[in-house]
Amino acid sequence: MIISQGIELAMANPRWQVIAKMKAAKLIEEIGADWVFLSVADASIDVDYL
């Protein structure tokens, strides 16, 4: 889906309700748990190379 289109998606600072719905929809498996960050600061450090 997303990966096949060459799109990378990162989530930063999601609420627990969002994480629960993403898990239920298996979206976290699709984008990868490494792309879900607890804070914007963590996300910016890890994806700084972009």
PDB file of N, CA and C in Angstrom:
ATOM      1  N   MET A   1       0.833  -1.177   0.000  1.00  0.00           N
ATOM      2  CA  MET A   1       0.000   0.000   0.000  1.00  0.00           C
ATOM      3  C   MET A   1       0.880   1.243   0.000  1.00  0.00           C
ATOM      4  N   ILE A   2       1.229   1.751   1.139  1.00  0.00           N
ATOM      5  CA  ILE A   2       2.049   2.955   1.232  1.00  0.00           C
ATOM      6  C   ILE A   2       3.449   2.688   0.703  1.00  0.00           C
ATOM      7  N   ILE A   3       4.022   1.577   1.121  1.00  0.00           N
ATOM      8  CA  ILE A   3       5.385   1.248   0.730  1.00  0.00           C
ATOM      9  C   ILE A   3       5.481   1.034  -0.772  1.00  0.00           C
ATOM     10  N   SER A   4       4.497   0.410  -1.359  1.00  0.00           N
ATOM     11  CA  SER A   4       4.542   0.143  -2.793  1.00  0.00           C
ATOM     12  C   SER A   4       4.498   1.424  -3.611  1.00  0.00           C
ATOM     13  N   GLN A   5       4.043   2.514  -3.019  1.00  0.00           N
ATOM     14  CA  GLN A   5       3.992   3.801  -3.707  1.00  0.00           C
ATOM     15  C   GLN A   5       5.224   4.647  -3.417  1.00  0.00           C
ATOM     16  N   GLY A   6       6.160   4.116  -2.655  1.00  0.00           N
ATOM     17  CA  GLY A   6       7.383   4.843  -2.337  1.00  0.00           C
ATOM     18  C   GLY A   6       7.203   5.934  -1.294  1.00  0.00           C
ATOM     19  N   ILE A   7       6.158   5.850  -0.509  1.00  0.00           N
ATOM     20  CA  ILE A   7       5.879   6.858   0.514  1.00  0.00           C
ATOM     21  C   ILE A   7       6.348   6.336   1.866  1.00  0.00           C
ATOM     22  N   GLU A   8       7.076   7.180   2.604  1.00  0.00           N
ATOM     23  CA  GLU A   8       7.475   6.841   3.968  1.00  0.00           C
ATOM     24  C   GLU A   8       6.666   7.705   4.919  1.00  0.00           C
ATOM     25  N   LEU A   9       6.135   7.096   5.961  1.00  0.00           N
ATOM     26  CA  LEU A   9       5.286   7.791   6.907  1.00  0.00           C
ATOM     27  C   LEU A   9       5.859   7.633   8.302  1.00  0.00           C
ATOM     28  N   ALA A  10       5.979   8.737   9.013  1.00  0.00           N
ATOM     29  CA  ALA A  10       6.414   8.707  10.407  1.00  0.00           C
ATOM     30  C   ALA A  10       5.334   9.372  11.250  1.00  0.00           C
ATOM     31  N   MET A  11       5.079   8.808  12.411  1.00  0.00           N
ATOM     32  CA  MET A  11       4.108   9.375  13.344  1.00  0.00           C
ATOM     33  C   MET A  11       4.867   9.877  14.564  1.00  0.00           C
ATOM     34  N   ALA A  12       4.568  11.103  14.963  1.00  0.00           N
ATOM     35  CA  ALA A  12       5.213  11.672  16.146  1.00  0.00           C
ATOM     36  C   ALA A  12       4.148  12.136  17.132  1.00  0.00           C
ATOM     37  N   ASN A  13       4.363  11.808  18.385  1.00  0.00           N
ATOM     38  CA  ASN A  13       3.507  12.235  19.484  1.00  0.00           C
ATOM     39  C   ASN A  13       2.046  11.797  19.328  1.00  0.00           C
ATOM     40  N   PRO A  14       1.802  10.550  18.923  1.00  0.00           N
ATOM     41  CA  PRO A  14       0.406  10.116  18.802  1.00  0.00           C
ATOM     42  C   PRO A  14      -0.197   9.837  20.175  1.00  0.00           C
ATOM     43  N   ARG A  15      -1.459  10.127  20.321  1.00  0.00           N
ATOM     44  CA  ARG A  15      -2.169   9.798  21.561  1.00  0.00           C
ATOM     45  C   ARG A  15      -2.361   8.289  21.634  1.00  0.00           C
ATOM     46  N   TRP A  16      -2.621   7.784  22.826  1.00  0.00           N
ATOM     47  CA  TRP A  16      -2.751   6.336  22.992  1.00  0.00           C
ATOM     48  C   TRP A  16      -3.927   5.786  22.191  1.00  0.00           C
ATOM     49  N   GLN A  17      -4.984   6.612  22.022  1.00  0.00           N
ATOM     50  CA  GLN A  17      -6.134   6.158  21.244  1.00  0.00           C
ATOM     51  C   GLN A  17      -5.744   5.942  19.778  1.00  0.00           C
ATOM     52  N   VAL A  18      -4.902   6.812  19.263  1.00  0.00           N
ATOM     53  CA  VAL A  18      -4.437   6.694  17.879  1.00  0.00           C
ATOM     54  C   VAL A  18      -3.591   5.435  17.724  1.00  0.00           C
ATOM     55  N   ILE A  19      -2.695   5.208  18.676  1.00  0.00           N
ATOM     56  CA  ILE A  19      -1.855   4.009  18.623  1.00  0.00           C
ATOM     57  C   ILE A  19      -2.724   2.751  18.672  1.00  0.00           C
ATOM     58  N   ALA A  20      -3.731   2.735  19.530  1.00  0.00           N
ATOM     59  CA  ALA A  20      -4.618   1.570  19.632  1.00  0.00           C
ATOM     60  C   ALA A  20      -5.337   1.311  18.312  1.00  0.00           C
ATOM     61  N   LYS A  21      -5.808   2.358  17.671  1.00  0.00           N
ATOM     62  CA  LYS A  21      -6.505   2.187  16.389  1.00  0.00           C
ATOM     63  C   LYS A  21      -5.546   1.785  15.282  1.00  0.00           C
ATOM     64  N   MET A  22      -4.333   2.317  15.327  1.00  0.00           N
ATOM     65  CA  MET A  22      -3.331   1.933  14.329  1.00  0.00           C
ATOM     66  C   MET A  22      -2.960   0.460  14.484  1.00  0.00           C
ATOM     67  N   LYS A  23      -2.853  -0.007  15.730  1.00  0.00           N
ATOM     68  CA  LYS A  23      -2.558  -1.427  15.969  1.00  0.00           C
ATOM     69  C   LYS A  23      -3.707  -2.303  15.484  1.00  0.00           C
ATOM     70  N   ALA A  24      -4.935  -1.890  15.769  1.00  0.00           N
ATOM     71  CA  ALA A  24      -6.103  -2.669  15.348  1.00  0.00           C
ATOM     72  C   ALA A  24      -6.184  -2.769  13.827  1.00  0.00           C
ATOM     73  N   ALA A  25      -5.787  -1.707  13.141  1.00  0.00           N
ATOM     74  CA  ALA A  25      -5.822  -1.692  11.673  1.00  0.00           C
ATOM     75  C   ALA A  25      -4.544  -2.263  11.061  1.00  0.00           C
ATOM     76  N   LYS A  26      -3.629  -2.693  11.929  1.00  0.00           N
ATOM     77  CA  LYS A  26      -2.330  -3.234  11.498  1.00  0.00           C
ATOM     78  C   LYS A  26      -1.511  -2.223  10.698  1.00  0.00           C
ATOM     79  N   LEU A  27      -1.758  -0.948  10.937  1.00  0.00           N
ATOM     80  CA  LEU A  27      -1.009   0.102  10.255  1.00  0.00           C
ATOM     81  C   LEU A  27       0.412   0.199  10.788  1.00  0.00           C
ATOM     82  N   ILE A  28       0.598  -0.051  12.075  1.00  0.00           N
ATOM     83  CA  ILE A  28       1.950  -0.014  12.636  1.00  0.00           C
ATOM     84  C   ILE A  28       2.806  -1.096  11.995  1.00  0.00           C
ATOM     85  N   GLU A  29       2.227  -2.253  11.746  1.00  0.00           N
ATOM     86  CA  GLU A  29       2.967  -3.312  11.046  1.00  0.00           C
ATOM     87  C   GLU A  29       3.319  -2.874   9.631  1.00  0.00           C
ATOM     88  N   GLU A  30       2.427  -2.134   8.993  1.00  0.00           N
ATOM     89  CA  GLU A  30       2.632  -1.693   7.611  1.00  0.00           C
ATOM     90  C   GLU A  30       3.758  -0.655   7.511  1.00  0.00           C
ATOM     91  N   ILE A  31       3.733   0.349   8.411  1.00  0.00           N
ATOM     92  CA  ILE A  31       4.758   1.394   8.327  1.00  0.00           C
ATOM     93  C   ILE A  31       6.009   1.037   9.116  1.00  0.00           C
ATOM     94  N   GLY A  32       5.875   0.138  10.088  1.00  0.00           N
ATOM     95  CA  GLY A  32       7.007  -0.265  10.911  1.00  0.00           C
ATOM     96  C   GLY A  32       7.033   0.496  12.227  1.00  0.00           C
ATOM     97  N   ALA A  33       7.222  -0.221  13.305  1.00  0.00           N
ATOM     98  CA  ALA A  33       7.228   0.389  14.637  1.00  0.00           C
ATOM     99  C   ALA A  33       8.366   1.390  14.800  1.00  0.00           C
ATOM    100  N   ASP A  34       9.416   1.258  13.987  1.00  0.00           N
ATOM    101  CA  ASP A  34      10.541   2.190  14.059  1.00  0.00           C
ATOM    102  C   ASP A  34      10.159   3.589  13.597  1.00  0.00           C
ATOM    103  N   TRP A  35       9.004   3.733  12.955  1.00  0.00           N
ATOM    104  CA  TRP A  35       8.563   5.026  12.438  1.00  0.00           C
ATOM    105  C   TRP A  35       7.472   5.657  13.299  1.00  0.00           C
ATOM    106  N   VAL A  36       7.255   5.135  14.504  1.00  0.00           N
ATOM    107  CA  VAL A  36       6.313   5.719  15.458  1.00  0.00           C
ATOM    108  C   VAL A  36       7.128   6.231  16.637  1.00  0.00           C
ATOM    109  N   PHE A  37       7.065   7.537  16.870  1.00  0.00           N
ATOM    110  CA  PHE A  37       7.907   8.192  17.876  1.00  0.00           C
ATOM    111  C   PHE A  37       7.049   8.808  18.974  1.00  0.00           C
ATOM    112  N   LEU A  38       7.552   8.771  20.201  1.00  0.00           N
ATOM    113  CA  LEU A  38       6.814   9.325  21.329  1.00  0.00           C
ATOM    114  C   LEU A  38       6.829  10.843  21.345  1.00  0.00           C
ATOM    115  N   SER A  39       7.817  11.453  20.707  1.00  0.00           N
ATOM    116  CA  SER A  39       7.881  12.910  20.673  1.00  0.00           C
ATOM    117  C   SER A  39       8.392  13.386  19.318  1.00  0.00           C
ATOM    118  N   VAL A  40       8.127  14.632  19.026  1.00  0.00           N
ATOM    119  CA  VAL A  40       8.623  15.234  17.790  1.00  0.00           C
ATOM    120  C   VAL A  40      10.145  15.317  17.835  1.00  0.00           C
ATOM    121  N   ALA A  41      10.698  15.576  19.009  1.00  0.00           N
ATOM    122  CA  ALA A  41      12.157  15.649  19.146  1.00  0.00           C
ATOM    123  C   ALA A  41      12.804  14.314  18.789  1.00  0.00           C
ATOM    124  N   ASP A  42      12.240  13.216  19.275  1.00  0.00           N
ATOM    125  CA  ASP A  42      12.764  11.889  18.930  1.00  0.00           C
ATOM    126  C   ASP A  42      12.677  11.645  17.432  1.00  0.00           C
ATOM    127  N   ALA A  43      11.569  12.023  16.841  1.00  0.00           N
ATOM    128  CA  ALA A  43      11.382  11.824  15.400  1.00  0.00           C
ATOM    129  C   ALA A  43      12.390  12.633  14.605  1.00  0.00           C
ATOM    130  N   SER A  44      12.605  13.881  14.999  1.00  0.00           N
ATOM    131  CA  SER A  44      13.518  14.727  14.228  1.00  0.00           C
ATOM    132  C   SER A  44      14.959  14.239  14.327  1.00  0.00           C
ATOM    133  N   ILE A  45      15.324  13.652  15.441  1.00  0.00           N
ATOM    134  CA  ILE A  45      16.672  13.095  15.579  1.00  0.00           C
ATOM    135  C   ILE A  45      16.839  11.883  14.669  1.00  0.00           C
ATOM    136  N   ASP A  46      15.845  10.990  14.679  1.00  0.00           N
ATOM    137  CA  ASP A  46      15.953   9.750  13.913  1.00  0.00           C
ATOM    138  C   ASP A  46      15.786   9.935  12.416  1.00  0.00           C
ATOM    139  N   VAL A  47      15.021  10.902  11.988  1.00  0.00           N
ATOM    140  CA  VAL A  47      14.819  11.101  10.549  1.00  0.00           C
ATOM    141  C   VAL A  47      15.523  12.362  10.056  1.00  0.00           C
ATOM    142  N   ASP A  48      16.524  12.781  10.780  1.00  0.00           N
ATOM    143  CA  ASP A  48      17.270  13.996  10.441  1.00  0.00           C
ATOM    144  C   ASP A  48      17.933  13.904   9.077  1.00  0.00           C
ATOM    145  N   TYR A  49      18.231  12.695   8.642  1.00  0.00           N
ATOM    146  CA  TYR A  49      18.910  12.521   7.364  1.00  0.00           C
ATOM    147  C   TYR A  49      18.032  12.927   6.186  1.00  0.00           C
ATOM    148  N   LEU A  50      16.724  13.054   6.376  1.00  0.00           N
ATOM    149  CA  LEU A  50      15.836  13.471   5.294  1.00  0.00           C
ATOM    150  C   LEU A  50      16.025  14.938   5.065  1.00  0.00           C
TER     151      LEU A  50
END
